[in-house]
Amino acid sequence: MAKPKKIELIEIEQLDSWLGSTGFLYPENEIELDRFNKLYEDYDFKLDYKSIDPIAIINNTFYREPKVITMFEEDVAGEVESLRMVARKGKEDLPQHIIDKMRRKHNQDSSDSE
């Protein structure tokens, strides 16, 4: 059985230097910094006008805006208002899709909800 060849592209002694040059570690000297700048010269950095406070991240004291997701709020409000009008006025000026929906709801078996 043939043994696989051991191929080393980067010498182990130079591994920290290359990791610093590629951004996986911080560049520690001018050579690593020059390699890093050349490698990422066309990178589009999106946080140009933002400031990052690493101490606040570590201490969990940074402020984050809560995200509120609303789905179909306007559609549901309009449909509820239409149904309120039906309850008050009867079938006057009632759209056909609402009448169909009420008929489907009325004709459902109690076994369908289980």
N, C-alpha and C. Protein backbone atom coordinates (compact mmCIF):
# COMPACT_ATOMS: atom_id res chain seq x y z
N MET A 1 0.85 -1.18 0.00
CA MET A 1 0.00 0.00 0.00
C MET A 1 0.89 1.23 0.00
N ALA A 2 0.57 2.16 -0.87
CA ALA A 2 1.36 3.38 -1.00
C ALA A 2 1.03 4.35 0.12
N LYS A 3 2.06 4.99 0.61
CA LYS A 3 1.86 6.00 1.66
C LYS A 3 1.62 7.35 1.01
N PRO A 4 0.67 8.15 1.56
CA PRO A 4 0.44 9.48 0.98
C PRO A 4 1.65 10.37 1.22
N LYS A 5 1.93 11.20 0.23
CA LYS A 5 3.04 12.12 0.35
C LYS A 5 2.66 13.28 1.27
N LYS A 6 3.59 13.69 2.07
CA LYS A 6 3.37 14.82 2.96
C LYS A 6 3.80 16.09 2.23
N ILE A 7 2.82 16.96 1.93
CA ILE A 7 3.09 18.20 1.21
C ILE A 7 2.95 19.37 2.17
N GLU A 8 3.98 20.15 2.28
CA GLU A 8 3.93 21.35 3.12
C GLU A 8 4.05 22.57 2.23
N LEU A 9 3.01 23.37 2.21
CA LEU A 9 3.05 24.59 1.41
C LEU A 9 3.66 25.74 2.19
N ILE A 10 3.42 25.76 3.49
CA ILE A 10 3.95 26.81 4.36
C ILE A 10 4.71 26.13 5.49
N GLU A 11 5.88 26.62 5.75
CA GLU A 11 6.65 26.06 6.85
C GLU A 11 5.99 26.41 8.17
N ILE A 12 6.05 25.53 9.11
CA ILE A 12 5.39 25.71 10.41
C ILE A 12 5.91 26.97 11.10
N GLU A 13 7.18 27.28 10.93
CA GLU A 13 7.74 28.47 11.58
C GLU A 13 7.13 29.76 11.02
N GLN A 14 6.67 29.72 9.78
CA GLN A 14 6.10 30.90 9.13
C GLN A 14 4.58 30.98 9.24
N LEU A 15 3.97 30.00 9.90
CA LEU A 15 2.50 29.95 9.96
C LEU A 15 1.91 31.19 10.64
N ASP A 16 2.48 31.62 11.75
CA ASP A 16 1.97 32.82 12.44
C ASP A 16 2.09 34.06 11.57
N SER A 17 3.16 34.14 10.81
CA SER A 17 3.35 35.28 9.91
C SER A 17 2.28 35.30 8.83
N TRP A 18 1.97 34.16 8.25
CA TRP A 18 0.95 34.11 7.21
C TRP A 18 -0.46 34.29 7.76
N LEU A 19 -0.71 33.81 8.95
CA LEU A 19 -2.02 34.05 9.58
C LEU A 19 -2.20 35.54 9.89
N GLY A 20 -1.12 36.20 10.28
CA GLY A 20 -1.18 37.64 10.50
C GLY A 20 -1.35 38.40 9.19
N SER A 21 -0.78 37.89 8.12
CA SER A 21 -0.88 38.55 6.82
C SER A 21 -2.27 38.39 6.21
N THR A 22 -2.95 37.30 6.52
CA THR A 22 -4.27 37.06 5.93
C THR A 22 -5.41 37.56 6.79
N GLY A 23 -5.13 38.01 8.01
CA GLY A 23 -6.17 38.60 8.84
C GLY A 23 -6.72 37.67 9.89
N PHE A 24 -6.25 36.45 9.96
CA PHE A 24 -6.71 35.54 11.00
C PHE A 24 -6.08 35.87 12.35
N LEU A 25 -4.92 36.49 12.33
CA LEU A 25 -4.28 37.07 13.51
C LEU A 25 -3.98 38.52 13.18
N TYR A 26 -3.66 39.32 14.19
CA TYR A 26 -3.30 40.71 13.93
C TYR A 26 -1.90 40.78 13.31
N PRO A 27 -1.72 41.62 12.28
CA PRO A 27 -0.36 41.80 11.73
C PRO A 27 0.56 42.36 12.81
N GLU A 28 1.76 41.78 12.90
CA GLU A 28 2.69 42.18 13.97
C GLU A 28 3.86 43.02 13.48
N ASN A 29 4.07 43.09 12.17
CA ASN A 29 5.18 43.90 11.67
C ASN A 29 4.79 44.50 10.32
N GLU A 30 5.71 45.26 9.73
CA GLU A 30 5.42 45.97 8.48
C GLU A 30 5.19 45.00 7.32
N ILE A 31 5.92 43.92 7.27
CA ILE A 31 5.77 42.96 6.16
C ILE A 31 4.37 42.35 6.19
N GLU A 32 3.93 41.92 7.37
CA GLU A 32 2.59 41.33 7.50
C GLU A 32 1.51 42.36 7.19
N LEU A 33 1.73 43.59 7.63
CA LEU A 33 0.76 44.65 7.36
C LEU A 33 0.69 44.98 5.87
N ASP A 34 1.84 45.01 5.19
CA ASP A 34 1.85 45.25 3.74
C ASP A 34 1.14 44.12 2.99
N ARG A 35 1.40 42.87 3.39
CA ARG A 35 0.71 41.74 2.76
C ARG A 35 -0.80 41.84 2.97
N PHE A 36 -1.19 42.17 4.19
CA PHE A 36 -2.62 42.30 4.50
C PHE A 36 -3.27 43.39 3.65
N ASN A 37 -2.63 44.56 3.57
CA ASN A 37 -3.17 45.67 2.78
C ASN A 37 -3.26 45.32 1.30
N LYS A 38 -2.26 44.60 0.79
CA LYS A 38 -2.29 44.21 -0.62
C LYS A 38 -3.39 43.18 -0.88
N LEU A 39 -3.58 42.27 0.05
CA LEU A 39 -4.58 41.22 -0.11
C LEU A 39 -5.99 41.79 -0.08
N TYR A 40 -6.24 42.79 0.75
CA TYR A 40 -7.59 43.34 0.94
C TYR A 40 -7.72 44.77 0.40
N GLU A 41 -6.96 45.15 -0.62
CA GLU A 41 -7.01 46.52 -1.12
C GLU A 41 -8.33 46.84 -1.82
N ASP A 42 -9.02 45.86 -2.37
CA ASP A 42 -10.28 46.14 -3.05
C ASP A 42 -11.49 45.73 -2.21
N TYR A 43 -11.30 45.48 -0.94
CA TYR A 43 -12.38 45.09 -0.05
C TYR A 43 -13.26 46.30 0.28
N ASP A 44 -14.58 46.12 0.19
CA ASP A 44 -15.51 47.22 0.47
C ASP A 44 -15.92 47.15 1.95
N PHE A 45 -15.30 47.97 2.76
CA PHE A 45 -15.57 47.99 4.20
C PHE A 45 -16.85 48.77 4.45
N LYS A 46 -17.86 48.14 5.04
CA LYS A 46 -19.18 48.75 5.17
C LYS A 46 -19.37 49.57 6.45
N LEU A 47 -18.41 49.55 7.35
CA LEU A 47 -18.56 50.25 8.63
C LEU A 47 -17.70 51.51 8.69
N ASP A 48 -17.64 52.25 7.61
CA ASP A 48 -16.79 53.44 7.58
C ASP A 48 -17.20 54.48 8.62
N TYR A 49 -18.48 54.67 8.83
CA TYR A 49 -18.94 55.73 9.72
C TYR A 49 -19.43 55.21 11.07
N LYS A 50 -19.10 54.00 11.39
CA LYS A 50 -19.50 53.40 12.65
C LYS A 50 -18.29 53.28 13.56
N SER A 51 -18.53 53.30 14.85
CA SER A 51 -17.45 53.05 15.79
C SER A 51 -17.76 51.77 16.55
N ILE A 52 -16.74 51.00 16.80
CA ILE A 52 -16.89 49.71 17.48
C ILE A 52 -16.19 49.82 18.82
N ASP A 53 -16.91 49.52 19.87
CA ASP A 53 -16.35 49.56 21.21
C ASP A 53 -16.19 48.13 21.72
N PRO A 54 -15.01 47.53 21.62
CA PRO A 54 -14.85 46.13 22.03
C PRO A 54 -15.07 45.91 23.53
N ILE A 55 -14.77 46.91 24.35
CA ILE A 55 -14.98 46.77 25.79
C ILE A 55 -16.47 46.65 26.10
N ALA A 56 -17.30 47.45 25.40
CA ALA A 56 -18.75 47.36 25.61
C ALA A 56 -19.29 46.02 25.15
N ILE A 57 -18.71 45.46 24.08
CA ILE A 57 -19.14 44.14 23.62
C ILE A 57 -18.77 43.07 24.64
N ILE A 58 -17.57 43.14 25.15
CA ILE A 58 -17.11 42.15 26.14
C ILE A 58 -17.93 42.24 27.42
N ASN A 59 -18.22 43.46 27.88
CA ASN A 59 -18.97 43.65 29.12
C ASN A 59 -20.49 43.56 28.91
N ASN A 60 -20.91 43.42 27.68
CA ASN A 60 -22.33 43.34 27.32
C ASN A 60 -23.08 44.60 27.76
N THR A 61 -22.45 45.76 27.54
CA THR A 61 -23.09 47.02 27.90
C THR A 61 -23.46 47.85 26.68
N PHE A 62 -23.29 47.30 25.48
CA PHE A 62 -23.63 48.06 24.27
C PHE A 62 -25.14 48.06 24.09
N TYR A 63 -25.63 49.10 23.43
CA TYR A 63 -27.07 49.24 23.22
C TYR A 63 -27.42 48.76 21.82
N ARG A 64 -28.43 47.95 21.76
CA ARG A 64 -28.90 47.44 20.49
C ARG A 64 -30.38 47.74 20.37
N GLU A 65 -30.80 48.30 19.24
CA GLU A 65 -32.21 48.60 19.02
C GLU A 65 -33.00 47.30 18.91
N PRO A 66 -34.10 47.17 19.64
CA PRO A 66 -34.90 45.95 19.49
C PRO A 66 -35.59 45.94 18.13
N LYS A 67 -35.64 44.76 17.55
CA LYS A 67 -36.28 44.62 16.24
C LYS A 67 -37.72 44.19 16.44
N VAL A 68 -38.63 44.88 15.80
CA VAL A 68 -40.05 44.56 15.86
C VAL A 68 -40.48 44.16 14.46
N ILE A 69 -41.03 42.98 14.36
CA ILE A 69 -41.48 42.48 13.06
C ILE A 69 -43.00 42.46 13.06
N THR A 70 -43.57 43.16 12.13
CA THR A 70 -45.02 43.14 11.98
C THR A 70 -45.33 42.59 10.60
N MET A 71 -46.20 41.62 10.58
CA MET A 71 -46.56 41.00 9.32
C MET A 71 -48.06 41.12 9.11
N PHE A 72 -48.45 41.59 7.97
CA PHE A 72 -49.83 41.63 7.55
C PHE A 72 -50.72 42.45 8.48
N GLU A 73 -50.16 43.38 9.21
CA GLU A 73 -50.94 44.15 10.18
C GLU A 73 -52.03 44.96 9.47
N GLU A 74 -51.68 45.59 8.36
CA GLU A 74 -52.65 46.42 7.65
C GLU A 74 -53.74 45.57 7.01
N ASP A 75 -53.38 44.40 6.46
CA ASP A 75 -54.36 43.52 5.83
C ASP A 75 -55.36 43.01 6.85
N VAL A 76 -54.86 42.59 8.01
CA VAL A 76 -55.74 42.06 9.05
C VAL A 76 -56.66 43.16 9.58
N ALA A 77 -56.13 44.35 9.77
CA ALA A 77 -56.95 45.45 10.29
C ALA A 77 -58.10 45.76 9.32
N GLY A 78 -57.81 45.78 8.03
CA GLY A 78 -58.86 46.05 7.04
C GLY A 78 -59.91 44.96 7.01
N GLU A 79 -59.49 43.72 7.13
CA GLU A 79 -60.44 42.60 7.11
C GLU A 79 -61.30 42.60 8.37
N VAL A 80 -60.71 42.89 9.51
CA VAL A 80 -61.48 42.93 10.75
C VAL A 80 -62.52 44.05 10.68
N GLU A 81 -62.13 45.20 10.12
CA GLU A 81 -63.07 46.31 9.99
C GLU A 81 -64.24 45.93 9.08
N SER A 82 -63.96 45.20 8.00
CA SER A 82 -65.03 44.74 7.11
C SER A 82 -65.98 43.81 7.84
N LEU A 83 -65.44 42.93 8.65
CA LEU A 83 -66.30 41.99 9.39
C LEU A 83 -67.11 42.72 10.46
N ARG A 84 -66.57 43.77 11.04
CA ARG A 84 -67.35 44.54 12.01
C ARG A 84 -68.53 45.21 11.33
N MET A 85 -68.29 45.70 10.11
CA MET A 85 -69.39 46.33 9.37
C MET A 85 -70.48 45.31 9.08
N VAL A 86 -70.12 44.07 8.78
CA VAL A 86 -71.12 43.02 8.50
C VAL A 86 -71.94 42.76 9.75
N ALA A 87 -71.28 42.73 10.89
CA ALA A 87 -72.00 42.46 12.12
C ALA A 87 -73.00 43.57 12.42
N ARG A 88 -72.68 44.82 12.04
CA ARG A 88 -73.59 45.93 12.31
C ARG A 88 -74.66 46.09 11.25
N LYS A 89 -74.27 45.96 9.97
CA LYS A 89 -75.17 46.33 8.89
C LYS A 89 -75.78 45.14 8.14
N GLY A 90 -75.32 43.97 8.38
CA GLY A 90 -75.83 42.84 7.60
C GLY A 90 -75.05 42.70 6.31
N LYS A 91 -75.72 42.27 5.23
CA LYS A 91 -75.05 41.99 3.97
C LYS A 91 -74.95 43.18 3.02
N GLU A 92 -75.26 44.35 3.46
CA GLU A 92 -75.19 45.52 2.59
C GLU A 92 -73.74 45.81 2.19
N ASP A 93 -73.51 45.96 0.89
CA ASP A 93 -72.20 46.33 0.34
C ASP A 93 -71.07 45.43 0.85
N LEU A 94 -71.31 44.14 0.97
CA LEU A 94 -70.31 43.20 1.45
C LEU A 94 -69.58 42.59 0.26
N PRO A 95 -68.26 42.63 0.23
CA PRO A 95 -67.52 42.04 -0.88
C PRO A 95 -67.76 40.52 -0.96
N GLN A 96 -67.69 39.98 -2.19
CA GLN A 96 -67.98 38.57 -2.40
C GLN A 96 -66.97 37.66 -1.71
N HIS A 97 -65.71 38.08 -1.64
CA HIS A 97 -64.72 37.20 -0.99
C HIS A 97 -65.00 37.06 0.51
N ILE A 98 -65.58 38.06 1.13
CA ILE A 98 -65.95 37.97 2.55
C ILE A 98 -67.15 37.03 2.72
N ILE A 99 -68.11 37.13 1.82
CA ILE A 99 -69.27 36.23 1.88
C ILE A 99 -68.81 34.79 1.72
N ASP A 100 -67.91 34.54 0.77
CA ASP A 100 -67.39 33.18 0.56
C ASP A 100 -66.64 32.68 1.79
N LYS A 101 -65.88 33.55 2.40
CA LYS A 101 -65.13 33.16 3.60
C LYS A 101 -66.08 32.81 4.74
N MET A 102 -67.14 33.59 4.90
CA MET A 102 -68.11 33.31 5.96
C MET A 102 -68.83 31.99 5.69
N ARG A 103 -69.15 31.71 4.43
CA ARG A 103 -69.81 30.44 4.10
C ARG A 103 -68.89 29.25 4.38
N ARG A 104 -67.62 29.38 3.99
CA ARG A 104 -66.67 28.29 4.27
C ARG A 104 -66.54 28.06 5.76
N LYS A 105 -66.45 29.12 6.52
CA LYS A 105 -66.32 29.00 7.97
C LYS A 105 -67.57 28.36 8.58
N HIS A 106 -68.74 28.72 8.05
CA HIS A 106 -70.00 28.20 8.57
C HIS A 106 -70.18 26.72 8.22
N ASN A 107 -69.69 26.30 7.06
CA ASN A 107 -69.89 24.92 6.60
C ASN A 107 -68.83 23.95 7.08
N GLN A 108 -67.85 24.40 7.84
CA GLN A 108 -66.80 23.51 8.35
C GLN A 108 -67.39 22.54 9.36
N ASP A 109 -66.88 21.30 9.34
CA ASP A 109 -67.26 20.32 10.36
C ASP A 109 -66.47 20.62 11.63
N SER A 110 -67.00 20.15 12.74
CA SER A 110 -66.26 20.30 13.99
C SER A 110 -65.06 19.38 14.00
N SER A 111 -65.08 18.31 13.17
CA SER A 111 -63.93 17.38 13.09
C SER A 111 -62.76 18.01 12.37
N ASP A 112 -62.97 19.08 11.56
CA ASP A 112 -61.88 19.73 10.85
C ASP A 112 -60.93 20.47 11.79
N SER A 113 -61.45 20.92 12.89
CA SER A 113 -60.62 21.71 13.81
C SER A 113 -59.74 20.84 14.69
N GLU A 114 -59.95 19.56 14.70
CA GLU A 114 -59.14 18.69 15.57
C GLU A 114 -57.86 18.29 14.93
